[in-house]
């Protein structure tokens, strides 16, 4: 986890969860950031979409999803 003033960054391998108070929310591992390449007439840019995370369900099924950074918090094991 890297913090820059009030910004929180997520790096691959970080353990995160959804910050909203919902039942059965999983602990997930950050796989990486997700971007989409947008091509304009003369320019080629990248648009940040979110953080790709993965986890396993209680039935041991692999799940993967892209989340907004606003919806994630780091899990603190201390």
PDB file of N, CA and C in Angstrom:
ATOM      1  N   UNK A   1       0.850  -1.171   0.000  1.00  0.00           N
ATOM      2  CA  UNK A   1       0.000   0.000   0.000  1.00  0.00           C
ATOM      3  C   UNK A   1       0.895   1.233   0.000  1.00  0.00           C
ATOM      4  N   UNK A   2       0.586   2.166  -0.846  1.00  0.00           N
ATOM      5  CA  UNK A   2       1.327   3.417  -0.927  1.00  0.00           C
ATOM      6  C   UNK A   2       0.336   4.549  -0.697  1.00  0.00           C
ATOM      7  N   UNK A   3       0.706   5.501   0.167  1.00  0.00           N
ATOM      8  CA  UNK A   3      -0.160   6.652   0.403  1.00  0.00           C
ATOM      9  C   UNK A   3       0.587   7.919   0.029  1.00  0.00           C
ATOM     10  N   UNK A   4      -0.050   8.805  -0.718  1.00  0.00           N
ATOM     11  CA  UNK A   4       0.514  10.077  -1.125  1.00  0.00           C
ATOM     12  C   UNK A   4      -0.465  11.156  -0.703  1.00  0.00           C
ATOM     13  N   UNK A   5      -0.154  11.835   0.416  1.00  0.00           N
ATOM     14  CA  UNK A   5      -1.047  12.803   1.028  1.00  0.00           C
ATOM     15  C   UNK A   5      -2.374  12.115   1.346  1.00  0.00           C
ATOM     16  N   UNK A   6      -3.449  12.448   0.665  1.00  0.00           N
ATOM     17  CA  UNK A   6      -4.737  11.828   0.940  1.00  0.00           C
ATOM     18  C   UNK A   6      -5.111  10.760  -0.079  1.00  0.00           C
ATOM     19  N   UNK A   7      -4.226  10.478  -1.019  1.00  0.00           N
ATOM     20  CA  UNK A   7      -4.510   9.482  -2.039  1.00  0.00           C
ATOM     21  C   UNK A   7      -4.029   8.117  -1.570  1.00  0.00           C
ATOM     22  N   UNK A   8      -4.819   7.097  -1.842  1.00  0.00           N
ATOM     23  CA  UNK A   8      -4.439   5.726  -1.511  1.00  0.00           C
ATOM     24  C   UNK A   8      -4.277   4.969  -2.817  1.00  0.00           C
ATOM     25  N   UNK A   9      -3.174   4.266  -2.949  1.00  0.00           N
ATOM     26  CA  UNK A   9      -2.884   3.504  -4.150  1.00  0.00           C
ATOM     27  C   UNK A   9      -2.946   2.017  -3.839  1.00  0.00           C
ATOM     28  N   UNK A  10      -3.364   1.245  -4.812  1.00  0.00           N
ATOM     29  CA  UNK A  10      -3.438  -0.203  -4.669  1.00  0.00           C
ATOM     30  C   UNK A  10      -2.411  -0.838  -5.589  1.00  0.00           C
ATOM     31  N   UNK A  11      -1.674  -1.797  -5.061  1.00  0.00           N
ATOM     32  CA  UNK A  11      -0.657  -2.488  -5.842  1.00  0.00           C
ATOM     33  C   UNK A  11      -0.966  -3.978  -5.866  1.00  0.00           C
ATOM     34  N   UNK A  12      -0.535  -4.687  -6.915  1.00  0.00           N
ATOM     35  CA  UNK A  12      -0.792  -6.119  -6.992  1.00  0.00           C
ATOM     36  C   UNK A  12      -0.322  -6.835  -5.723  1.00  0.00           C
ATOM     37  N   UNK A  13      -1.187  -7.708  -5.222  1.00  0.00           N
ATOM     38  CA  UNK A  13      -0.881  -8.458  -4.014  1.00  0.00           C
ATOM     39  C   UNK A  13      -1.495  -7.876  -2.757  1.00  0.00           C
ATOM     40  N   UNK A  14      -1.969  -6.627  -2.817  1.00  0.00           N
ATOM     41  CA  UNK A  14      -2.638  -6.030  -1.661  1.00  0.00           C
ATOM     42  C   UNK A  14      -3.924  -6.793  -1.361  1.00  0.00           C
ATOM     43  N   UNK A  15      -4.233  -6.941  -0.080  1.00  0.00           N
ATOM     44  CA  UNK A  15      -5.489  -7.557   0.336  1.00  0.00           C
ATOM     45  C   UNK A  15      -6.478  -6.431   0.603  1.00  0.00           C
ATOM     46  N   UNK A  16      -7.617  -6.484  -0.060  1.00  0.00           N
ATOM     47  CA  UNK A  16      -8.622  -5.424   0.029  1.00  0.00           C
ATOM     48  C   UNK A  16     -10.002  -6.036   0.242  1.00  0.00           C
ATOM     49  N   UNK A  17     -10.952  -5.174   0.583  1.00  0.00           N
ATOM     50  CA  UNK A  17     -12.347  -5.561   0.646  1.00  0.00           C
ATOM     51  C   UNK A  17     -13.190  -4.366   0.225  1.00  0.00           C
ATOM     52  N   UNK A  18     -14.463  -4.593   0.047  1.00  0.00           N
ATOM     53  CA  UNK A  18     -15.383  -3.511  -0.310  1.00  0.00           C
ATOM     54  C   UNK A  18     -15.647  -2.689   0.938  1.00  0.00           C
ATOM     55  N   UNK A  19     -15.579  -1.371   0.846  1.00  0.00           N
ATOM     56  CA  UNK A  19     -15.719  -0.542   2.041  1.00  0.00           C
ATOM     57  C   UNK A  19     -17.162  -0.386   2.495  1.00  0.00           C
ATOM     58  N   UNK A  20     -18.107  -0.725   1.662  1.00  0.00           N
ATOM     59  CA  UNK A  20     -19.518  -0.598   2.009  1.00  0.00           C
ATOM     60  C   UNK A  20     -19.927  -1.713   2.968  1.00  0.00           C
ATOM     61  N   UNK A  21     -20.879  -1.426   3.831  1.00  0.00           N
ATOM     62  CA  UNK A  21     -21.340  -2.372   4.831  1.00  0.00           C
ATOM     63  C   UNK A  21     -22.384  -3.306   4.218  1.00  0.00           C
ATOM     64  N   UNK A  22     -21.907  -4.395   3.621  1.00  0.00           N
ATOM     65  CA  UNK A  22     -22.803  -5.395   3.042  1.00  0.00           C
ATOM     66  C   UNK A  22     -22.441  -6.762   3.596  1.00  0.00           C
ATOM     67  N   UNK A  23     -23.412  -7.663   3.597  1.00  0.00           N
ATOM     68  CA  UNK A  23     -23.177  -9.004   4.111  1.00  0.00           C
ATOM     69  C   UNK A  23     -22.298  -9.810   3.160  1.00  0.00           C
ATOM     70  N   UNK A  24     -21.492 -10.685   3.743  1.00  0.00           N
ATOM     71  CA  UNK A  24     -20.676 -11.653   2.995  1.00  0.00           C
ATOM     72  C   UNK A  24     -19.705 -11.011   2.007  1.00  0.00           C
ATOM     73  N   UNK A  25     -19.213  -9.826   2.313  1.00  0.00           N
ATOM     74  CA  UNK A  25     -18.250  -9.212   1.393  1.00  0.00           C
ATOM     75  C   UNK A  25     -16.919  -9.966   1.500  1.00  0.00           C
ATOM     76  N   UNK A  26     -16.308 -10.264   0.366  1.00  0.00           N
ATOM     77  CA  UNK A  26     -15.086 -11.070   0.381  1.00  0.00           C
ATOM     78  C   UNK A  26     -13.829 -10.245   0.630  1.00  0.00           C
ATOM     79  N   UNK A  27     -12.814 -10.914   1.130  1.00  0.00           N
ATOM     80  CA  UNK A  27     -11.475 -10.333   1.111  1.00  0.00           C
ATOM     81  C   UNK A  27     -10.887 -10.737  -0.230  1.00  0.00           C
ATOM     82  N   UNK A  28     -10.256  -9.776  -0.908  1.00  0.00           N
ATOM     83  CA  UNK A  28      -9.796 -10.001  -2.274  1.00  0.00           C
ATOM     84  C   UNK A  28      -8.326  -9.629  -2.409  1.00  0.00           C
ATOM     85  N   UNK A  29      -7.694 -10.147  -3.436  1.00  0.00           N
ATOM     86  CA  UNK A  29      -6.324  -9.771  -3.780  1.00  0.00           C
ATOM     87  C   UNK A  29      -6.362  -8.880  -5.002  1.00  0.00           C
ATOM     88  N   UNK A  30      -5.556  -7.820  -4.975  1.00  0.00           N
ATOM     89  CA  UNK A  30      -5.450  -6.930  -6.129  1.00  0.00           C
ATOM     90  C   UNK A  30      -4.607  -7.620  -7.185  1.00  0.00           C
ATOM     91  N   UNK A  31      -5.158  -7.701  -8.390  1.00  0.00           N
ATOM     92  CA  UNK A  31      -4.436  -8.283  -9.528  1.00  0.00           C
ATOM     93  C   UNK A  31      -3.695  -7.190 -10.298  1.00  0.00           C
ATOM     94  N   UNK A  32      -4.283  -6.002 -10.375  1.00  0.00           N
ATOM     95  CA  UNK A  32      -3.640  -4.893 -11.073  1.00  0.00           C
ATOM     96  C   UNK A  32      -4.654  -3.844 -11.474  1.00  0.00           C
ATOM     97  N   UNK A  33      -4.147  -2.793 -12.097  1.00  0.00           N
ATOM     98  CA  UNK A  33      -5.053  -1.735 -12.544  1.00  0.00           C
ATOM     99  C   UNK A  33      -5.579  -2.078 -13.927  1.00  0.00           C
ATOM    100  N   UNK A  34      -6.754  -1.581 -14.214  1.00  0.00           N
ATOM    101  CA  UNK A  34      -7.412  -1.842 -15.486  1.00  0.00           C
ATOM    102  C   UNK A  34      -7.559  -0.526 -16.233  1.00  0.00           C
ATOM    103  N   UNK A  35      -7.048  -0.480 -17.443  1.00  0.00           N
ATOM    104  CA  UNK A  35      -7.137   0.716 -18.282  1.00  0.00           C
ATOM    105  C   UNK A  35      -7.703   0.330 -19.635  1.00  0.00           C
ATOM    106  N   UNK A  36      -8.233   1.319 -20.312  1.00  0.00           N
ATOM    107  CA  UNK A  36      -8.762   1.113 -21.656  1.00  0.00           C
ATOM    108  C   UNK A  36      -8.088   2.115 -22.574  1.00  0.00           C
ATOM    109  N   UNK A  37      -7.568   1.639 -23.680  1.00  0.00           N
ATOM    110  CA  UNK A  37      -6.915   2.523 -24.640  1.00  0.00           C
ATOM    111  C   UNK A  37      -7.967   3.188 -25.509  1.00  0.00           C
ATOM    112  N   UNK A  38      -7.885   4.498 -25.565  1.00  0.00           N
ATOM    113  CA  UNK A  38      -8.813   5.274 -26.383  1.00  0.00           C
ATOM    114  C   UNK A  38      -8.008   5.943 -27.494  1.00  0.00           C
ATOM    115  N   UNK A  39      -8.419   5.701 -28.710  1.00  0.00           N
ATOM    116  CA  UNK A  39      -7.721   6.294 -29.850  1.00  0.00           C
ATOM    117  C   UNK A  39      -8.531   7.444 -30.410  1.00  0.00           C
ATOM    118  N   UNK A  40      -7.896   8.581 -30.418  1.00  0.00           N
ATOM    119  CA  UNK A  40      -8.494   9.765 -31.038  1.00  0.00           C
ATOM    120  C   UNK A  40      -7.801   9.927 -32.388  1.00  0.00           C
ATOM    121  N   UNK A  41      -8.226  10.836 -33.192  1.00  0.00           N
ATOM    122  CA  UNK A  41      -7.658  11.001 -34.525  1.00  0.00           C
ATOM    123  C   UNK A  41      -6.136  10.996 -34.530  1.00  0.00           C
ATOM    124  N   UNK A  42      -5.533  11.866 -33.741  1.00  0.00           N
ATOM    125  CA  UNK A  42      -4.076  11.985 -33.760  1.00  0.00           C
ATOM    126  C   UNK A  42      -3.426  11.488 -32.476  1.00  0.00           C
ATOM    127  N   UNK A  43      -4.223  11.214 -31.477  1.00  0.00           N
ATOM    128  CA  UNK A  43      -3.654  10.840 -30.184  1.00  0.00           C
ATOM    129  C   UNK A  43      -4.130   9.470 -29.748  1.00  0.00           C
ATOM    130  N   UNK A  44      -3.327   8.864 -28.915  1.00  0.00           N
ATOM    131  CA  UNK A  44      -3.672   7.587 -28.328  1.00  0.00           C
ATOM    132  C   UNK A  44      -3.519   7.758 -26.827  1.00  0.00           C
ATOM    133  N   UNK A  45      -4.596   7.596 -26.080  1.00  0.00           N
ATOM    134  CA  UNK A  45      -4.547   7.802 -24.640  1.00  0.00           C
ATOM    135  C   UNK A  45      -5.076   6.598 -23.890  1.00  0.00           C
ATOM    136  N   UNK A  46      -4.806   6.587 -22.616  1.00  0.00           N
ATOM    137  CA  UNK A  46      -5.248   5.503 -21.769  1.00  0.00           C
ATOM    138  C   UNK A  46      -6.211   6.056 -20.725  1.00  0.00           C
ATOM    139  N   UNK A  47      -7.316   5.382 -20.534  1.00  0.00           N
ATOM    140  CA  UNK A  47      -8.338   5.795 -19.586  1.00  0.00           C
ATOM    141  C   UNK A  47      -8.388   4.774 -18.445  1.00  0.00           C
ATOM    142  N   UNK A  48      -8.162   5.232 -17.209  1.00  0.00           N
ATOM    143  CA  UNK A  48      -8.180   4.363 -16.045  1.00  0.00           C
ATOM    144  C   UNK A  48      -9.606   3.921 -15.764  1.00  0.00           C
ATOM    145  N   UNK A  49      -9.818   2.619 -15.634  1.00  0.00           N
ATOM    146  CA  UNK A  49     -11.157   2.090 -15.393  1.00  0.00           C
ATOM    147  C   UNK A  49     -11.361   1.660 -13.945  1.00  0.00           C
ATOM    148  N   UNK A  50     -10.328   1.100 -13.312  1.00  0.00           N
ATOM    149  CA  UNK A  50     -10.471   0.641 -11.934  1.00  0.00           C
ATOM    150  C   UNK A  50      -9.388  -0.354 -11.557  1.00  0.00           C
ATOM    151  N   UNK A  51      -9.622  -1.026 -10.437  1.00  0.00           N
ATOM    152  CA  UNK A  51      -8.683  -2.011  -9.910  1.00  0.00           C
ATOM    153  C   UNK A  51      -9.282  -3.402 -10.083  1.00  0.00           C
ATOM    154  N   UNK A  52      -8.551  -4.280 -10.759  1.00  0.00           N
ATOM    155  CA  UNK A  52      -9.011  -5.667 -10.943  1.00  0.00           C
ATOM    156  C   UNK A  52      -8.610  -6.483  -9.728  1.00  0.00           C
ATOM    157  N   UNK A  53      -9.605  -7.121  -9.122  1.00  0.00           N
ATOM    158  CA  UNK A  53      -9.386  -7.944  -7.928  1.00  0.00           C
ATOM    159  C   UNK A  53      -9.895  -9.347  -8.182  1.00  0.00           C
ATOM    160  N   UNK A  54      -9.350 -10.313  -7.427  1.00  0.00           N
ATOM    161  CA  UNK A  54      -9.878 -11.671  -7.510  1.00  0.00           C
ATOM    162  C   UNK A  54     -10.023 -12.244  -6.108  1.00  0.00           C
ATOM    163  N   UNK A  55     -10.911 -13.231  -5.992  1.00  0.00           N
ATOM    164  CA  UNK A  55     -11.177 -13.894  -4.723  1.00  0.00           C
ATOM    165  C   UNK A  55     -11.805 -15.247  -5.013  1.00  0.00           C
ATOM    166  N   UNK A  56     -11.954 -16.048  -3.960  1.00  0.00           N
ATOM    167  CA  UNK A  56     -12.585 -17.353  -4.070  1.00  0.00           C
ATOM    168  C   UNK A  56     -13.836 -17.360  -3.210  1.00  0.00           C
ATOM    169  N   UNK A  57     -14.914 -17.913  -3.734  1.00  0.00           N
ATOM    170  CA  UNK A  57     -16.166 -17.991  -2.992  1.00  0.00           C
ATOM    171  C   UNK A  57     -16.063 -19.077  -1.926  1.00  0.00           C
ATOM    172  N   UNK A  58     -17.088 -19.176  -1.088  1.00  0.00           N
ATOM    173  CA  UNK A  58     -17.117 -20.237  -0.066  1.00  0.00           C
ATOM    174  C   UNK A  58     -17.196 -21.620  -0.710  1.00  0.00           C
ATOM    175  N   UNK A  59     -17.597 -21.677  -1.984  1.00  0.00           N
ATOM    176  CA  UNK A  59     -17.621 -22.941  -2.732  1.00  0.00           C
ATOM    177  C   UNK A  59     -16.327 -23.159  -3.514  1.00  0.00           C
ATOM    178  N   UNK A  60     -15.322 -22.329  -3.249  1.00  0.00           N
ATOM    179  CA  UNK A  60     -13.986 -22.407  -3.864  1.00  0.00           C
ATOM    180  C   UNK A  60     -13.996 -22.092  -5.362  1.00  0.00           C
ATOM    181  N   UNK A  61     -14.909 -21.232  -5.782  1.00  0.00           N
ATOM    182  CA  UNK A  61     -14.958 -20.803  -7.175  1.00  0.00           C
ATOM    183  C   UNK A  61     -14.191 -19.495  -7.325  1.00  0.00           C
ATOM    184  N   UNK A  62     -13.379 -19.409  -8.365  1.00  0.00           N
ATOM    185  CA  UNK A  62     -12.593 -18.211  -8.661  1.00  0.00           C
ATOM    186  C   UNK A  62     -13.502 -17.127  -9.213  1.00  0.00           C
ATOM    187  N   UNK A  63     -13.386 -15.916  -8.675  1.00  0.00           N
ATOM    188  CA  UNK A  63     -14.150 -14.768  -9.132  1.00  0.00           C
ATOM    189  C   UNK A  63     -13.195 -13.615  -9.407  1.00  0.00           C
ATOM    190  N   UNK A  64     -13.527 -12.784 -10.368  1.00  0.00           N
ATOM    191  CA  UNK A  64     -12.684 -11.642 -10.723  1.00  0.00           C
ATOM    192  C   UNK A  64     -13.584 -10.501 -11.169  1.00  0.00           C
ATOM    193  N   UNK A  65     -13.245  -9.268 -10.752  1.00  0.00           N
ATOM    194  CA  UNK A  65     -14.069  -8.120 -11.083  1.00  0.00           C
ATOM    195  C   UNK A  65     -13.237  -6.850 -11.005  1.00  0.00           C
ATOM    196  N   UNK A  66     -13.629  -5.825 -11.748  1.00  0.00           N
ATOM    197  CA  UNK A  66     -12.993  -4.517 -11.685  1.00  0.00           C
ATOM    198  C   UNK A  66     -13.828  -3.629 -10.764  1.00  0.00           C
ATOM    199  N   UNK A  67     -13.158  -2.974  -9.798  1.00  0.00           N
ATOM    200  CA  UNK A  67     -13.822  -2.106  -8.836  1.00  0.00           C
ATOM    201  C   UNK A  67     -13.249  -0.696  -8.926  1.00  0.00           C
ATOM    202  N   UNK A  68     -14.072   0.282  -8.618  1.00  0.00           N
ATOM    203  CA  UNK A  68     -13.607   1.655  -8.491  1.00  0.00           C
ATOM    204  C   UNK A  68     -12.741   1.745  -7.231  1.00  0.00           C
ATOM    205  N   UNK A  69     -11.720   2.574  -7.281  1.00  0.00           N
ATOM    206  CA  UNK A  69     -10.872   2.757  -6.101  1.00  0.00           C
ATOM    207  C   UNK A  69     -11.668   3.346  -4.940  1.00  0.00           C
ATOM    208  N   UNK A  70     -12.742   4.034  -5.232  1.00  0.00           N
ATOM    209  CA  UNK A  70     -13.583   4.623  -4.188  1.00  0.00           C
ATOM    210  C   UNK A  70     -14.340   3.570  -3.386  1.00  0.00           C
ATOM    211  N   UNK A  71     -14.468   2.367  -3.940  1.00  0.00           N
ATOM    212  CA  UNK A  71     -15.219   1.308  -3.286  1.00  0.00           C
ATOM    213  C   UNK A  71     -14.351   0.321  -2.517  1.00  0.00           C
ATOM    214  N   UNK A  72     -13.027   0.502  -2.527  1.00  0.00           N
ATOM    215  CA  UNK A  72     -12.117  -0.458  -1.904  1.00  0.00           C
ATOM    216  C   UNK A  72     -11.384   0.129  -0.710  1.00  0.00           C
ATOM    217  N   UNK A  73     -11.085  -0.722   0.264  1.00  0.00           N
ATOM    218  CA  UNK A  73     -10.230  -0.369   1.391  1.00  0.00           C
ATOM    219  C   UNK A  73      -9.257  -1.517   1.626  1.00  0.00           C
ATOM    220  N   UNK A  74      -8.088  -1.175   2.140  1.00  0.00           N
ATOM    221  CA  UNK A  74      -7.100  -2.188   2.489  1.00  0.00           C
ATOM    222  C   UNK A  74      -7.533  -2.940   3.741  1.00  0.00           C
ATOM    223  N   UNK A  75      -7.228  -4.224   3.776  1.00  0.00           N
ATOM    224  CA  UNK A  75      -7.490  -5.023   4.966  1.00  0.00           C
ATOM    225  C   UNK A  75      -6.241  -4.955   5.822  1.00  0.00           C
ATOM    226  N   UNK A  76      -6.425  -4.566   7.081  1.00  0.00           N
ATOM    227  CA  UNK A  76      -5.298  -4.415   8.000  1.00  0.00           C
ATOM    228  C   UNK A  76      -5.245  -5.630   8.900  1.00  0.00           C
ATOM    229  N   UNK A  77      -4.116  -6.344   8.879  1.00  0.00           N
ATOM    230  CA  UNK A  77      -3.963  -7.561   9.666  1.00  0.00           C
ATOM    231  C   UNK A  77      -3.297  -7.321  11.010  1.00  0.00           C
ATOM    232  N   UNK A  78      -3.078  -6.076  11.399  1.00  0.00           N
ATOM    233  CA  UNK A  78      -2.377  -5.787  12.652  1.00  0.00           C
ATOM    234  C   UNK A  78      -3.257  -6.001  13.839  1.00  0.00           C
TER     235      UNK A  78
END
